[in-house]
Each structure stands twice: as C-alpha cells, then as structure tokens.
Amino acid sequence: MFDFSDFYQLIAKNRLSHWLEVLPAQLAEWQTQPHAICQSG
C-alpha cells in the first residue's frame, strides 16, 4: 500500500491547499457522472 502522507503535506503547504478541501467532493461527483473515456464500444 502506498503512503501518500508526504504528498498531502506538500500540497497542504503550497498554493494547492484549497484543492485538498474540494477533492473528496470532486471525486464523488466524477464517480456518479458517465465519461466518454470510460465507456466501451
């Protein structure tokens, strides 16, 4: 299993820190929406 703690600490200390707050909501939204890339055929 990967340890992402260093990655998140790095982001939390720079201009991308706001992204950590919205990321869970973005992931949840992406999972519910169909994407052309994910469709087979």
Protein backbone atom coordinates (compact mmCIF):
# COMPACT_ATOMS: atom_id res chain seq x y z
CA MET A 1 0.00 0.00 0.00
CA PHE A 2 1.21 3.48 -0.82
CA ASP A 3 1.82 6.13 1.83
CA PHE A 4 0.58 9.44 0.48
CA SER A 5 1.13 11.44 3.67
CA ASP A 6 4.20 13.25 2.28
CA PHE A 7 2.28 14.10 -0.88
CA TYR A 8 -0.63 15.59 1.07
CA GLN A 9 1.70 17.51 3.39
CA LEU A 10 3.46 19.02 0.39
CA ILE A 11 0.17 20.12 -1.15
CA ALA A 12 -1.14 21.44 2.18
CA LYS A 13 1.81 23.83 2.40
CA ASN A 14 1.57 25.39 -1.05
CA ARG A 15 -0.92 27.19 -3.30
CA LEU A 16 -2.84 23.95 -3.98
CA SER A 17 -4.03 23.62 -0.38
CA HIS A 18 -7.61 24.57 -1.33
CA TRP A 19 -7.66 21.52 -3.62
CA LEU A 20 -7.48 19.19 -0.62
CA GLU A 21 -10.77 20.65 0.61
CA VAL A 22 -12.66 20.15 -2.66
CA LEU A 23 -11.05 16.89 -3.79
CA PRO A 24 -13.43 14.49 -1.96
CA ALA A 25 -16.47 16.23 -3.45
CA GLN A 26 -14.91 16.22 -6.94
CA LEU A 27 -14.16 12.51 -6.74
CA ALA A 28 -17.69 11.72 -5.60
CA GLU A 29 -19.13 13.77 -8.47
CA TRP A 30 -16.85 12.17 -11.06
CA GLN A 31 -17.91 8.70 -9.90
CA THR A 32 -21.58 9.47 -10.50
CA GLN A 33 -21.18 11.03 -13.95
CA PRO A 34 -20.63 8.97 -17.09
CA HIS A 35 -17.47 9.79 -19.01
CA ALA A 36 -16.81 9.09 -22.67
CA ILE A 37 -13.35 7.76 -21.80
CA CYS A 38 -14.84 5.09 -19.50
CA GLN A 39 -17.42 3.85 -21.98
CA SER A 40 -16.54 0.81 -24.02
CA GLY A 41 -17.61 0.26 -27.58
